C-alpha atoms as a PDB file:
ATOM      1  CA  MET A   1      -6.141  74.302 -12.220  1.00  0.00           C
ATOM      2  CA  THR A   2      -5.867  72.745 -15.664  1.00  0.00           C
ATOM      3  CA  SER A   3      -2.317  72.442 -16.784  1.00  0.00           C
ATOM      4  CA  GLY A   4      -3.047  70.948 -20.207  1.00  0.00           C
ATOM      5  CA  HIS A   5      -1.847  67.517 -19.010  1.00  0.00           C
ATOM      6  CA  PRO A   6      -4.280  64.634 -18.861  1.00  0.00           C
ATOM      7  CA  PRO A   7      -4.890  63.179 -15.409  1.00  0.00           C
ATOM      8  CA  VAL A   8      -2.895  60.163 -14.247  1.00  0.00           C
ATOM      9  CA  ARG A   9      -5.011  57.024 -14.810  1.00  0.00           C
ATOM     10  CA  VAL A  10      -4.982  54.962 -11.603  1.00  0.00           C
ATOM     11  CA  GLY A  11      -6.622  51.563 -11.247  1.00  0.00           C
ATOM     12  CA  VAL A  12      -7.576  49.722  -8.105  1.00  0.00           C
ATOM     13  CA  THR A  13      -7.671  46.127  -7.019  1.00  0.00           C
ATOM     14  CA  GLY A  14      -8.306  44.908  -3.528  1.00  0.00           C
ATOM     15  CA  HIS A  15     -10.216  43.043  -0.937  1.00  0.00           C
ATOM     16  CA  ILE A  16     -14.000  43.101  -0.773  1.00  0.00           C
ATOM     17  CA  HIS A  17     -14.553  41.956   2.823  1.00  0.00           C
ATOM     18  CA  LEU A  18     -13.014  44.580   5.121  1.00  0.00           C
ATOM     19  CA  THR A  19     -13.985  45.382   8.676  1.00  0.00           C
ATOM     20  CA  ALA A  20     -15.652  48.757   9.268  1.00  0.00           C
ATOM     21  CA  ALA A  21     -12.565  50.031  11.063  1.00  0.00           C
ATOM     22  CA  THR A  22     -10.368  48.902   8.136  1.00  0.00           C
ATOM     23  CA  GLU A  23     -12.620  50.677   5.665  1.00  0.00           C
ATOM     24  CA  ARG A  24     -11.921  53.949   7.470  1.00  0.00           C
ATOM     25  CA  LEU A  25      -8.137  53.250   7.623  1.00  0.00           C
ATOM     26  CA  VAL A  26      -8.097  52.351   3.940  1.00  0.00           C
ATOM     27  CA  ALA A  27     -10.097  55.454   2.952  1.00  0.00           C
ATOM     28  CA  ASP A  28      -7.549  57.677   4.728  1.00  0.00           C
ATOM     29  CA  ALA A  29      -4.600  55.809   3.203  1.00  0.00           C
ATOM     30  CA  LEU A  30      -6.077  55.984  -0.308  1.00  0.00           C
ATOM     31  CA  ARG A  31      -6.635  59.741  -0.075  1.00  0.00           C
ATOM     32  CA  VAL A  32      -2.986  60.172   0.943  1.00  0.00           C
ATOM     33  CA  GLU A  33      -1.755  57.811  -1.802  1.00  0.00           C
ATOM     34  CA  LEU A  34      -3.769  59.564  -4.553  1.00  0.00           C
ATOM     35  CA  ARG A  35      -2.302  62.931  -3.479  1.00  0.00           C
ATOM     36  CA  ARG A  36       1.158  61.359  -3.514  1.00  0.00           C
ATOM     37  CA  ILE A  37       0.651  59.960  -7.031  1.00  0.00           C
ATOM     38  CA  SER A  38      -0.419  63.315  -8.466  1.00  0.00           C
ATOM     39  CA  THR A  39      -0.942  66.907  -7.380  1.00  0.00           C
ATOM     40  CA  ARG A  40      -3.788  67.025  -9.949  1.00  0.00           C
ATOM     41  CA  PRO A  41      -7.017  65.046  -9.587  1.00  0.00           C
ATOM     42  CA  VAL A  42      -6.575  61.510 -10.918  1.00  0.00           C
ATOM     43  CA  HIS A  43      -8.798  59.535 -13.246  1.00  0.00           C
ATOM     44  CA  GLY A  44      -9.614  56.238 -11.572  1.00  0.00           C
ATOM     45  CA  VAL A  45     -10.509  52.925 -13.115  1.00  0.00           C
ATOM     46  CA  THR A  46     -12.445  50.421 -11.033  1.00  0.00           C
ATOM     47  CA  CYS A  47     -14.700  47.363 -11.232  1.00  0.00           C
ATOM     48  CA  LEU A  48     -16.774  48.990  -8.457  1.00  0.00           C
ATOM     49  CA  ALA A  49     -16.881  45.921  -6.222  1.00  0.00           C
ATOM     50  CA  PRO A  50     -17.832  46.483  -2.578  1.00  0.00           C
ATOM     51  CA  GLY A  51     -14.900  47.120  -0.275  1.00  0.00           C
ATOM     52  CA  ALA A  52     -11.643  48.460  -1.735  1.00  0.00           C
ATOM     53  CA  ASP A  53     -13.017  49.404  -5.129  1.00  0.00           C
ATOM     54  CA  GLN A  54     -15.817  51.579  -3.785  1.00  0.00           C
ATOM     55  CA  ILE A  55     -13.611  53.130  -1.087  1.00  0.00           C
ATOM     56  CA  PHE A  56     -11.123  54.023  -3.835  1.00  0.00           C
ATOM     57  CA  THR A  57     -13.866  55.515  -6.004  1.00  0.00           C
ATOM     58  CA  ARG A  58     -14.999  57.733  -3.154  1.00  0.00           C
ATOM     59  CA  ALA A  59     -11.395  58.822  -2.545  1.00  0.00           C
ATOM     60  CA  VAL A  60     -11.072  59.745  -6.246  1.00  0.00           C
ATOM     61  CA  LEU A  61     -14.248  61.812  -6.030  1.00  0.00           C
ATOM     62  CA  ALA A  62     -13.134  63.467  -2.796  1.00  0.00           C
ATOM     63  CA  GLY A  63      -9.918  64.512  -4.548  1.00  0.00           C
ATOM     64  CA  GLY A  64     -11.851  66.103  -7.419  1.00  0.00           C
ATOM     65  CA  GLY A  65     -11.155  63.298  -9.852  1.00  0.00           C
ATOM     66  CA  THR A  66     -13.264  61.227 -12.237  1.00  0.00           C
ATOM     67  CA  TYR A  67     -13.419  57.511 -12.909  1.00  0.00           C
ATOM     68  CA  ASP A  68     -14.378  54.790 -15.352  1.00  0.00           C
ATOM     69  CA  VAL A  69     -16.009  51.491 -14.402  1.00  0.00           C
ATOM     70  CA  VAL A  70     -15.207  48.108 -15.948  1.00  0.00           C
ATOM     71  CA  LEU A  71     -18.142  45.773 -15.286  1.00  0.00           C
ATOM     72  CA  PRO A  72     -17.133  42.091 -15.299  1.00  0.00           C
ATOM     73  CA  ALA A  73     -20.512  40.759 -16.497  1.00  0.00           C
ATOM     74  CA  LEU A  74     -24.001  41.791 -17.468  1.00  0.00           C
ATOM     75  CA  ASP A  75     -25.370  40.212 -14.259  1.00  0.00           C
ATOM     76  CA  TYR A  76     -22.675  41.655 -12.024  1.00  0.00           C
ATOM     77  CA  ARG A  77     -24.898  43.968  -9.955  1.00  0.00           C
ATOM     78  CA  ASP A  78     -27.546  41.389  -9.210  1.00  0.00           C
ATOM     79  CA  ALA A  79     -25.158  38.440  -8.860  1.00  0.00           C
ATOM     80  CA  THR A  80     -22.497  39.988  -6.663  1.00  0.00           C
ATOM     81  CA  ILE A  81     -23.665  43.204  -4.967  1.00  0.00           C
ATOM     82  CA  PRO A  82     -25.652  42.486  -1.773  1.00  0.00           C
ATOM     83  CA  PRO A  83     -29.137  44.065  -1.909  1.00  0.00           C
ATOM     84  CA  GLU A  84     -28.366  46.465   0.982  1.00  0.00           C
ATOM     85  CA  LYS A  85     -25.270  47.781  -0.931  1.00  0.00           C
ATOM     86  CA  ARG A  86     -26.976  48.237  -4.304  1.00  0.00           C
ATOM     87  CA  PRO A  87     -28.005  51.889  -3.716  1.00  0.00           C
ATOM     88  CA  ASP A  88     -24.338  52.840  -3.156  1.00  0.00           C
ATOM     89  CA  PHE A  89     -23.292  50.816  -6.171  1.00  0.00           C
ATOM     90  CA  ASP A  90     -25.989  52.379  -8.333  1.00  0.00           C
ATOM     91  CA  ASP A  91     -25.029  55.899  -7.228  1.00  0.00           C
ATOM     92  CA  LEU A  92     -21.331  55.342  -7.967  1.00  0.00           C
ATOM     93  CA  LEU A  93     -22.089  53.664 -11.303  1.00  0.00           C
ATOM     94  CA  ALA A  94     -24.309  56.610 -12.369  1.00  0.00           C
ATOM     95  CA  ARG A  95     -21.445  59.034 -11.612  1.00  0.00           C
ATOM     96  CA  ALA A  96     -18.867  57.199 -13.754  1.00  0.00           C
ATOM     97  CA  ALA A  97     -17.388  59.055 -16.741  1.00  0.00           C
ATOM     98  CA  HIS A  98     -17.593  55.834 -18.757  1.00  0.00           C
ATOM     99  CA  VAL A  99     -18.793  52.279 -18.156  1.00  0.00           C
ATOM    100  CA  PHE A 100     -17.162  49.412 -20.047  1.00  0.00           C
ATOM    101  CA  HIS A 101     -18.339  45.762 -20.229  1.00  0.00           C
ATOM    102  CA  THR A 102     -16.134  42.731 -20.731  1.00  0.00           C
ATOM    103  CA  GLY A 103     -18.749  40.950 -22.820  1.00  0.00           C
ATOM    104  CA  HIS A 104     -19.352  38.222 -20.239  1.00  0.00           C
ATOM    105  CA  ALA A 105     -22.955  37.433 -19.558  1.00  0.00           C
ATOM    106  CA  HIS A 106     -22.434  35.844 -16.129  1.00  0.00           C
ATOM    107  CA  SER A 107     -20.268  36.745 -13.145  1.00  0.00           C
ATOM    108  CA  GLY A 108     -17.539  34.323 -12.139  1.00  0.00           C
ATOM    109  CA  THR A 109     -13.789  33.895 -12.185  1.00  0.00           C
ATOM    110  CA  ALA A 110     -13.419  34.232 -15.965  1.00  0.00           C
ATOM    111  CA  ALA A 111     -15.450  37.458 -16.004  1.00  0.00           C
ATOM    112  CA  TYR A 112     -13.528  38.922 -13.044  1.00  0.00           C
ATOM    113  CA  ALA A 113     -10.145  38.041 -14.595  1.00  0.00           C
ATOM    114  CA  ALA A 114     -11.248  39.632 -17.920  1.00  0.00           C
ATOM    115  CA  ALA A 115     -12.358  42.813 -16.088  1.00  0.00           C
ATOM    116  CA  ASN A 116      -9.084  43.017 -14.149  1.00  0.00           C
ATOM    117  CA  ARG A 117      -7.054  42.605 -17.377  1.00  0.00           C
ATOM    118  CA  ASP A 118      -9.209  45.234 -19.105  1.00  0.00           C
ATOM    119  CA  LEU A 119      -8.681  47.594 -16.151  1.00  0.00           C
ATOM    120  CA  LEU A 120      -4.897  47.129 -16.428  1.00  0.00           C
ATOM    121  CA  ARG A 121      -5.002  48.068 -20.107  1.00  0.00           C
ATOM    122  CA  ARG A 122      -6.579  51.408 -19.135  1.00  0.00           C
ATOM    123  CA  VAL A 123      -4.190  52.572 -16.371  1.00  0.00           C
ATOM    124  CA  GLN A 124      -0.744  53.969 -15.781  1.00  0.00           C
ATOM    125  CA  ARG A 125      -0.597  52.931 -12.119  1.00  0.00           C
ATOM    126  CA  LEU A 126      -2.287  50.429  -9.860  1.00  0.00           C
ATOM    127  CA  VAL A 127      -3.189  50.751  -6.177  1.00  0.00           C
ATOM    128  CA  ALA A 128      -3.758  47.446  -4.431  1.00  0.00           C
ATOM    129  CA  VAL A 129      -5.612  47.306  -1.116  1.00  0.00           C
ATOM    130  CA  TRP A 130      -4.027  44.035  -0.186  1.00  0.00           C
ATOM    131  CA  ASP A 131      -2.864  42.208   2.886  1.00  0.00           C
ATOM    132  CA  GLY A 132      -0.226  40.288   0.887  1.00  0.00           C
ATOM    133  CA  GLU A 133      -2.005  36.944   1.108  1.00  0.00           C
ATOM    134  CA  ALA A 134      -2.531  34.759  -1.935  1.00  0.00           C
ATOM    135  CA  GLY A 135      -6.080  34.597  -3.225  1.00  0.00           C
ATOM    136  CA  CYS A 136      -8.228  31.547  -3.817  1.00  0.00           C
ATOM    137  CA  HIS A 137      -9.213  32.066  -7.475  1.00  0.00           C
ATOM    138  CA  GLY A 138      -7.827  33.213 -10.764  1.00  0.00           C
ATOM    139  CA  ALA A 139      -8.991  36.826 -10.465  1.00  0.00           C
ATOM    140  CA  SER A 140      -7.810  37.552  -6.924  1.00  0.00           C
ATOM    141  CA  THR A 141      -5.895  40.646  -5.845  1.00  0.00           C
ATOM    142  CA  ASP A 142      -2.553  38.874  -5.859  1.00  0.00           C
ATOM    143  CA  ARG A 143      -3.077  37.755  -9.467  1.00  0.00           C
ATOM    144  CA  THR A 144      -4.028  41.256 -10.566  1.00  0.00           C
ATOM    145  CA  VAL A 145      -0.895  42.678  -8.857  1.00  0.00           C
ATOM    146  CA  GLY A 146       1.192  40.030 -10.597  1.00  0.00           C
ATOM    147  CA  TRP A 147      -0.273  40.839 -14.021  1.00  0.00           C
ATOM    148  CA  ALA A 148       0.333  44.560 -13.428  1.00  0.00           C
ATOM    149  CA  ARG A 149       3.976  43.931 -12.526  1.00  0.00           C
ATOM    150  CA  GLN A 150       4.455  41.742 -15.609  1.00  0.00           C
ATOM    151  CA  LEU A 151       3.105  44.604 -17.708  1.00  0.00           C
ATOM    152  CA  GLY A 152       5.459  47.109 -16.041  1.00  0.00           C
ATOM    153  CA  ILE A 153       2.625  49.032 -14.383  1.00  0.00           C
ATOM    154  CA  PRO A 154       3.835  50.577 -11.105  1.00  0.00           C
ATOM    155  CA  VAL A 155       1.954  49.086  -8.153  1.00  0.00           C
ATOM    156  CA  THR A 156       1.465  50.599  -4.710  1.00  0.00           C
ATOM    157  CA  VAL A 157       0.165  48.306  -1.996  1.00  0.00           C
ATOM    158  CA  VAL A 158      -2.002  49.970   0.600  1.00  0.00           C
ATOM    159  CA  TRP A 159      -2.598  47.990   3.810  1.00  0.00           C
ATOM    160  CA  PRO A 160      -2.531  50.321   6.820  1.00  0.00           C
ATOM    161  CA  PRO A 161      -1.324  49.129  10.234  1.00  0.00           C
ATOM    162  CA  GLY A 162      -4.268  47.584  12.099  1.00  0.00           C
ATOM    163  CA  ALA A 163      -6.136  46.747   8.889  1.00  0.00           C
ATOM    164  CA  ARG A 164      -8.091  43.479   8.908  1.00  0.00           C
ATOM    165  CA  ARG A 165     -10.199  41.489   6.545  1.00  0.00           C
ATOM    166  CA  GLU A 166     -13.704  40.645   7.672  1.00  0.00           C
ATOM    167  CA  ALA A 167     -14.180  37.029   8.711  1.00  0.00           C
ATOM    168  CA  ARG A 168     -16.371  35.360   6.096  1.00  0.00           C
ATOM    169  CA  PRO A 169     -18.770  32.647   7.156  1.00  0.00           C
ATOM    170  CA  SER A 170     -17.893  29.247   5.727  1.00  0.00           C
ATOM    171  CA  LYS A 171     -20.468  27.736   3.378  1.00  0.00           C
END
């Protein structure tokens, strides 16, 4: 089914902490959205964070697509991926067409913002798994959506009815 046209490059941004029921709703919505964006398999671009990014990556694979990963920092896996979720992260990372690094040594807001900006340089469209709420740091979903809109990148917000963010324990 190759038509000679390169695949549409679609990036993702979104919430990490989703309820299990929301993960299923988002997975279904992302599969529908990716088919809406292109009748051909897409090429995704993701930072591969737990939650929305990994759900998106699986939807890209399910649709026959490929993807690149932009890692925010050299310590990203160990600093941000919970130990029980590392096997999934490692599997998805190993299946990436390309892995890019921002050059940051340590994870944190600056590294995440750099990764989100790098992701936006690589895409034609952005899908945001977002409840519409403002974030609490300089690399949050709302900021990435704002940057994409400033750059003229079309943004689709995916937040299915009944979707919820997971309650996070306060520190």
